[in-house]
């Protein structure tokens, strides 16, 4: 059974987020590790979507 849930992203999610972002360019903007860390510090909403404990997506709201 698929068990989807959303949780707050942390620095440990950076590799997943950067890889997923890079794999979906040019549909999304470039995201560097420096920019991700900046977003992590200034954004009110950075979430990871998980399915059975595996990261499957993310959302950054500025």
PDB file of N, CA and C in Angstrom:
ATOM      1  N   UNK A   1       0.835  -1.178   0.000  1.00  0.00           N
ATOM      2  CA  UNK A   1       0.000   0.000   0.000  1.00  0.00           C
ATOM      3  C   UNK A   1       0.883   1.246   0.000  1.00  0.00           C
ATOM      4  N   UNK A   2       0.518   2.226  -0.790  1.00  0.00           N
ATOM      5  CA  UNK A   2       1.270   3.475  -0.826  1.00  0.00           C
ATOM      6  C   UNK A   2       0.881   4.350   0.348  1.00  0.00           C
ATOM      7  N   UNK A   3       1.882   4.787   1.068  1.00  0.00           N
ATOM      8  CA  UNK A   3       1.664   5.653   2.222  1.00  0.00           C
ATOM      9  C   UNK A   3       2.412   6.954   1.987  1.00  0.00           C
ATOM     10  N   UNK A   4       1.742   7.934   1.363  1.00  0.00           N
ATOM     11  CA  UNK A   4       2.343   9.231   1.087  1.00  0.00           C
ATOM     12  C   UNK A   4       2.203  10.140   2.298  1.00  0.00           C
ATOM     13  N   UNK A   5       3.247  10.923   2.558  1.00  0.00           N
ATOM     14  CA  UNK A   5       3.170  11.927   3.605  1.00  0.00           C
ATOM     15  C   UNK A   5       4.150  13.043   3.289  1.00  0.00           C
ATOM     16  N   UNK A   6       3.965  14.176   3.927  1.00  0.00           N
ATOM     17  CA  UNK A   6       4.780  15.365   3.705  1.00  0.00           C
ATOM     18  C   UNK A   6       5.439  15.741   5.023  1.00  0.00           C
ATOM     19  N   UNK A   7       6.737  16.074   4.932  1.00  0.00           N
ATOM     20  CA  UNK A   7       7.448  16.529   6.120  1.00  0.00           C
ATOM     21  C   UNK A   7       8.382  17.672   5.746  1.00  0.00           C
ATOM     22  N   UNK A   8       8.829  18.406   6.728  1.00  0.00           N
ATOM     23  CA  UNK A   8       9.753  19.516   6.488  1.00  0.00           C
ATOM     24  C   UNK A   8      11.086  18.994   5.976  1.00  0.00           C
ATOM     25  N   UNK A   9      11.625  19.685   4.978  1.00  0.00           N
ATOM     26  CA  UNK A   9      12.931  19.319   4.438  1.00  0.00           C
ATOM     27  C   UNK A   9      14.028  19.786   5.384  1.00  0.00           C
ATOM     28  N   UNK A  10      15.124  19.061   5.362  1.00  0.00           N
ATOM     29  CA  UNK A  10      16.303  19.414   6.147  1.00  0.00           C
ATOM     30  C   UNK A  10      17.527  19.377   5.234  1.00  0.00           C
ATOM     31  N   UNK A  11      18.651  19.767   5.769  1.00  0.00           N
ATOM     32  CA  UNK A  11      19.897  19.738   5.000  1.00  0.00           C
ATOM     33  C   UNK A  11      20.196  18.332   4.481  1.00  0.00           C
ATOM     34  N   UNK A  12      19.779  17.315   5.204  1.00  0.00           N
ATOM     35  CA  UNK A  12      20.036  15.936   4.775  1.00  0.00           C
ATOM     36  C   UNK A  12      19.255  15.560   3.514  1.00  0.00           C
ATOM     37  N   UNK A  13      18.268  16.362   3.127  1.00  0.00           N
ATOM     38  CA  UNK A  13      17.495  16.117   1.906  1.00  0.00           C
ATOM     39  C   UNK A  13      18.117  16.785   0.682  1.00  0.00           C
ATOM     40  N   UNK A  14      19.214  17.503   0.867  1.00  0.00           N
ATOM     41  CA  UNK A  14      19.784  18.306  -0.206  1.00  0.00           C
ATOM     42  C   UNK A  14      20.139  17.476  -1.438  1.00  0.00           C
ATOM     43  N   UNK A  15      20.797  16.348  -1.293  1.00  0.00           N
ATOM     44  CA  UNK A  15      21.189  15.549  -2.458  1.00  0.00           C
ATOM     45  C   UNK A  15      19.972  15.113  -3.266  1.00  0.00           C
ATOM     46  N   UNK A  16      18.934  14.648  -2.590  1.00  0.00           N
ATOM     47  CA  UNK A  16      17.714  14.245  -3.294  1.00  0.00           C
ATOM     48  C   UNK A  16      17.111  15.424  -4.050  1.00  0.00           C
ATOM     49  N   UNK A  17      16.981  16.558  -3.387  1.00  0.00           N
ATOM     50  CA  UNK A  17      16.354  17.733  -4.001  1.00  0.00           C
ATOM     51  C   UNK A  17      17.167  18.219  -5.194  1.00  0.00           C
ATOM     52  N   UNK A  18      18.476  18.313  -5.052  1.00  0.00           N
ATOM     53  CA  UNK A  18      19.312  18.783  -6.157  1.00  0.00           C
ATOM     54  C   UNK A  18      19.269  17.815  -7.333  1.00  0.00           C
ATOM     55  N   UNK A  19      19.312  16.516  -7.076  1.00  0.00           N
ATOM     56  CA  UNK A  19      19.253  15.523  -8.153  1.00  0.00           C
ATOM     57  C   UNK A  19      17.917  15.554  -8.875  1.00  0.00           C
ATOM     58  N   UNK A  20      16.825  15.602  -8.131  1.00  0.00           N
ATOM     59  CA  UNK A  20      15.504  15.648  -8.758  1.00  0.00           C
ATOM     60  C   UNK A  20      15.353  16.925  -9.575  1.00  0.00           C
ATOM     61  N   UNK A  21      15.810  18.036  -9.029  1.00  0.00           N
ATOM     62  CA  UNK A  21      15.734  19.310  -9.743  1.00  0.00           C
ATOM     63  C   UNK A  21      16.540  19.240 -11.044  1.00  0.00           C
ATOM     64  N   UNK A  22      17.765  18.763 -10.962  1.00  0.00           N
ATOM     65  CA  UNK A  22      18.641  18.686 -12.135  1.00  0.00           C
ATOM     66  C   UNK A  22      18.040  17.780 -13.212  1.00  0.00           C
ATOM     67  N   UNK A  23      17.418  16.680 -12.806  1.00  0.00           N
ATOM     68  CA  UNK A  23      16.830  15.735 -13.757  1.00  0.00           C
ATOM     69  C   UNK A  23      15.599  16.280 -14.455  1.00  0.00           C
ATOM     70  N   UNK A  24      15.057  17.379 -13.970  1.00  0.00           N
ATOM     71  CA  UNK A  24      13.841  17.947 -14.558  1.00  0.00           C
ATOM     72  C   UNK A  24      14.063  19.307 -15.209  1.00  0.00           C
ATOM     73  N   UNK A  25      15.318  19.664 -15.438  1.00  0.00           N
ATOM     74  CA  UNK A  25      15.601  20.897 -16.172  1.00  0.00           C
ATOM     75  C   UNK A  25      15.378  20.614 -17.653  1.00  0.00           C
ATOM     76  N   UNK A  26      14.900  21.513 -18.457  1.00  0.00           N
ATOM     77  CA  UNK A  26      14.709  22.930 -18.217  1.00  0.00           C
ATOM     78  C   UNK A  26      13.310  23.292 -17.723  1.00  0.00           C
ATOM     79  N   UNK A  27      12.518  22.309 -17.350  1.00  0.00           N
ATOM     80  CA  UNK A  27      11.158  22.613 -16.866  1.00  0.00           C
ATOM     81  C   UNK A  27      11.183  23.382 -15.548  1.00  0.00           C
ATOM     82  N   UNK A  28      12.283  23.291 -14.827  1.00  0.00           N
ATOM     83  CA  UNK A  28      12.450  24.016 -13.563  1.00  0.00           C
ATOM     84  C   UNK A  28      13.743  24.823 -13.633  1.00  0.00           C
ATOM     85  N   UNK A  29      13.888  25.770 -12.745  1.00  0.00           N
ATOM     86  CA  UNK A  29      15.093  26.608 -12.705  1.00  0.00           C
ATOM     87  C   UNK A  29      16.257  25.848 -12.083  1.00  0.00           C
ATOM     88  N   UNK A  30      17.462  26.293 -12.406  1.00  0.00           N
ATOM     89  CA  UNK A  30      18.673  25.731 -11.818  1.00  0.00           C
ATOM     90  C   UNK A  30      18.657  25.934 -10.306  1.00  0.00           C
ATOM     91  N   UNK A  31      19.078  24.910  -9.573  1.00  0.00           N
ATOM     92  CA  UNK A  31      19.163  24.995  -8.117  1.00  0.00           C
ATOM     93  C   UNK A  31      20.523  24.461  -7.691  1.00  0.00           C
ATOM     94  N   UNK A  32      21.357  25.327  -7.153  1.00  0.00           N
ATOM     95  CA  UNK A  32      22.676  24.930  -6.657  1.00  0.00           C
ATOM     96  C   UNK A  32      22.577  24.586  -5.176  1.00  0.00           C
ATOM     97  N   UNK A  33      23.627  23.972  -4.658  1.00  0.00           N
ATOM     98  CA  UNK A  33      23.632  23.658  -3.225  1.00  0.00           C
ATOM     99  C   UNK A  33      23.613  24.941  -2.396  1.00  0.00           C
ATOM    100  N   UNK A  34      24.318  25.977  -2.846  1.00  0.00           N
ATOM    101  CA  UNK A  34      24.304  27.255  -2.117  1.00  0.00           C
ATOM    102  C   UNK A  34      22.908  27.867  -2.093  1.00  0.00           C
ATOM    103  N   UNK A  35      22.217  27.818  -3.231  1.00  0.00           N
ATOM    104  CA  UNK A  35      20.871  28.378  -3.296  1.00  0.00           C
ATOM    105  C   UNK A  35      19.898  27.556  -2.449  1.00  0.00           C
ATOM    106  N   UNK A  36      20.045  26.223  -2.467  1.00  0.00           N
ATOM    107  CA  UNK A  36      19.189  25.390  -1.622  1.00  0.00           C
ATOM    108  C   UNK A  36      19.373  25.750  -0.153  1.00  0.00           C
ATOM    109  N   UNK A  37      20.613  25.889   0.288  1.00  0.00           N
ATOM    110  CA  UNK A  37      20.871  26.231   1.691  1.00  0.00           C
ATOM    111  C   UNK A  37      20.306  27.603   2.036  1.00  0.00           C
ATOM    112  N   UNK A  38      20.385  28.537   1.086  1.00  0.00           N
ATOM    113  CA  UNK A  38      19.785  29.856   1.308  1.00  0.00           C
ATOM    114  C   UNK A  38      18.274  29.716   1.469  1.00  0.00           C
ATOM    115  N   UNK A  39      17.636  28.959   0.563  1.00  0.00           N
ATOM    116  CA  UNK A  39      16.193  28.742   0.659  1.00  0.00           C
ATOM    117  C   UNK A  39      15.827  28.063   1.974  1.00  0.00           C
ATOM    118  N   UNK A  40      16.642  27.116   2.403  1.00  0.00           N
ATOM    119  CA  UNK A  40      16.377  26.408   3.656  1.00  0.00           C
ATOM    120  C   UNK A  40      16.353  27.384   4.830  1.00  0.00           C
ATOM    121  N   UNK A  41      17.169  28.414   4.765  1.00  0.00           N
ATOM    122  CA  UNK A  41      17.237  29.402   5.846  1.00  0.00           C
ATOM    123  C   UNK A  41      16.171  30.485   5.769  1.00  0.00           C
ATOM    124  N   UNK A  42      15.711  30.829   4.555  1.00  0.00           N
ATOM    125  CA  UNK A  42      14.787  31.964   4.440  1.00  0.00           C
ATOM    126  C   UNK A  42      13.346  31.573   4.144  1.00  0.00           C
ATOM    127  N   UNK A  43      13.131  30.362   3.671  1.00  0.00           N
ATOM    128  CA  UNK A  43      11.787  29.972   3.254  1.00  0.00           C
ATOM    129  C   UNK A  43      10.947  29.497   4.435  1.00  0.00           C
ATOM    130  N   UNK A  44       9.685  29.857   4.399  1.00  0.00           N
ATOM    131  CA  UNK A  44       8.744  29.361   5.403  1.00  0.00           C
ATOM    132  C   UNK A  44       8.220  27.975   5.055  1.00  0.00           C
ATOM    133  N   UNK A  45       8.432  27.538   3.803  1.00  0.00           N
ATOM    134  CA  UNK A  45       7.826  26.280   3.373  1.00  0.00           C
ATOM    135  C   UNK A  45       8.764  25.538   2.430  1.00  0.00           C
ATOM    136  N   UNK A  46       9.488  24.569   2.952  1.00  0.00           N
ATOM    137  CA  UNK A  46      10.266  23.629   2.142  1.00  0.00           C
ATOM    138  C   UNK A  46       9.888  22.241   2.637  1.00  0.00           C
ATOM    139  N   UNK A  47       9.232  21.493   1.783  1.00  0.00           N
ATOM    140  CA  UNK A  47       8.692  20.195   2.181  1.00  0.00           C
ATOM    141  C   UNK A  47       9.200  19.086   1.268  1.00  0.00           C
ATOM    142  N   UNK A  48       9.272  17.899   1.819  1.00  0.00           N
ATOM    143  CA  UNK A  48       9.611  16.678   1.102  1.00  0.00           C
ATOM    144  C   UNK A  48       8.371  15.793   1.090  1.00  0.00           C
ATOM    145  N   UNK A  49       8.061  15.241  -0.067  1.00  0.00           N
ATOM    146  CA  UNK A  49       6.961  14.291  -0.178  1.00  0.00           C
ATOM    147  C   UNK A  49       7.587  12.901  -0.176  1.00  0.00           C
ATOM    148  N   UNK A  50       7.076  12.049   0.688  1.00  0.00           N
ATOM    149  CA  UNK A  50       7.617  10.693   0.814  1.00  0.00           C
ATOM    150  C   UNK A  50       6.531   9.664   0.569  1.00  0.00           C
ATOM    151  N   UNK A  51       6.960   8.530   0.065  1.00  0.00           N
ATOM    152  CA  UNK A  51       6.095   7.382  -0.146  1.00  0.00           C
ATOM    153  C   UNK A  51       6.781   6.190   0.506  1.00  0.00           C
ATOM    154  N   UNK A  52       6.177   5.689   1.550  1.00  0.00           N
ATOM    155  CA  UNK A  52       6.773   4.561   2.283  1.00  0.00           C
ATOM    156  C   UNK A  52       8.235   4.838   2.640  1.00  0.00           C
ATOM    157  N   UNK A  53       8.514   6.004   3.184  1.00  0.00           N
ATOM    158  CA  UNK A  53       9.838   6.439   3.647  1.00  0.00           C
ATOM    159  C   UNK A  53      10.840   6.732   2.533  1.00  0.00           C
ATOM    160  N   UNK A  54      10.412   6.735   1.264  1.00  0.00           N
ATOM    161  CA  UNK A  54      11.287   7.098   0.151  1.00  0.00           C
ATOM    162  C   UNK A  54      10.882   8.479  -0.366  1.00  0.00           C
ATOM    163  N   UNK A  55      11.849   9.381  -0.486  1.00  0.00           N
ATOM    164  CA  UNK A  55      11.565  10.715  -1.014  1.00  0.00           C
ATOM    165  C   UNK A  55      11.169  10.608  -2.478  1.00  0.00           C
ATOM    166  N   UNK A  56      10.062  11.274  -2.830  1.00  0.00           N
ATOM    167  CA  UNK A  56       9.564  11.219  -4.209  1.00  0.00           C
ATOM    168  C   UNK A  56       9.322  12.600  -4.806  1.00  0.00           C
ATOM    169  N   UNK A  57       9.380  13.652  -3.997  1.00  0.00           N
ATOM    170  CA  UNK A  57       9.153  14.994  -4.513  1.00  0.00           C
ATOM    171  C   UNK A  57       9.455  16.038  -3.463  1.00  0.00           C
ATOM    172  N   UNK A  58       9.420  17.299  -3.894  1.00  0.00           N
ATOM    173  CA  UNK A  58       9.653  18.398  -2.958  1.00  0.00           C
ATOM    174  C   UNK A  58       8.925  19.641  -3.438  1.00  0.00           C
ATOM    175  N   UNK A  59       8.758  20.577  -2.528  1.00  0.00           N
ATOM    176  CA  UNK A  59       8.155  21.866  -2.839  1.00  0.00           C
ATOM    177  C   UNK A  59       8.853  22.936  -2.015  1.00  0.00           C
ATOM    178  N   UNK A  60       9.281  23.990  -2.697  1.00  0.00           N
ATOM    179  CA  UNK A  60       9.875  25.144  -2.027  1.00  0.00           C
ATOM    180  C   UNK A  60       8.963  26.326  -2.282  1.00  0.00           C
ATOM    181  N   UNK A  61       8.421  26.875  -1.218  1.00  0.00           N
ATOM    182  CA  UNK A  61       7.572  28.055  -1.332  1.00  0.00           C
ATOM    183  C   UNK A  61       8.266  29.253  -0.722  1.00  0.00           C
ATOM    184  N   UNK A  62       8.428  30.290  -1.513  1.00  0.00           N
ATOM    185  CA  UNK A  62       9.114  31.491  -1.019  1.00  0.00           C
ATOM    186  C   UNK A  62       8.133  32.588  -0.723  1.00  0.00           C
TER     187      UNK A  62
END
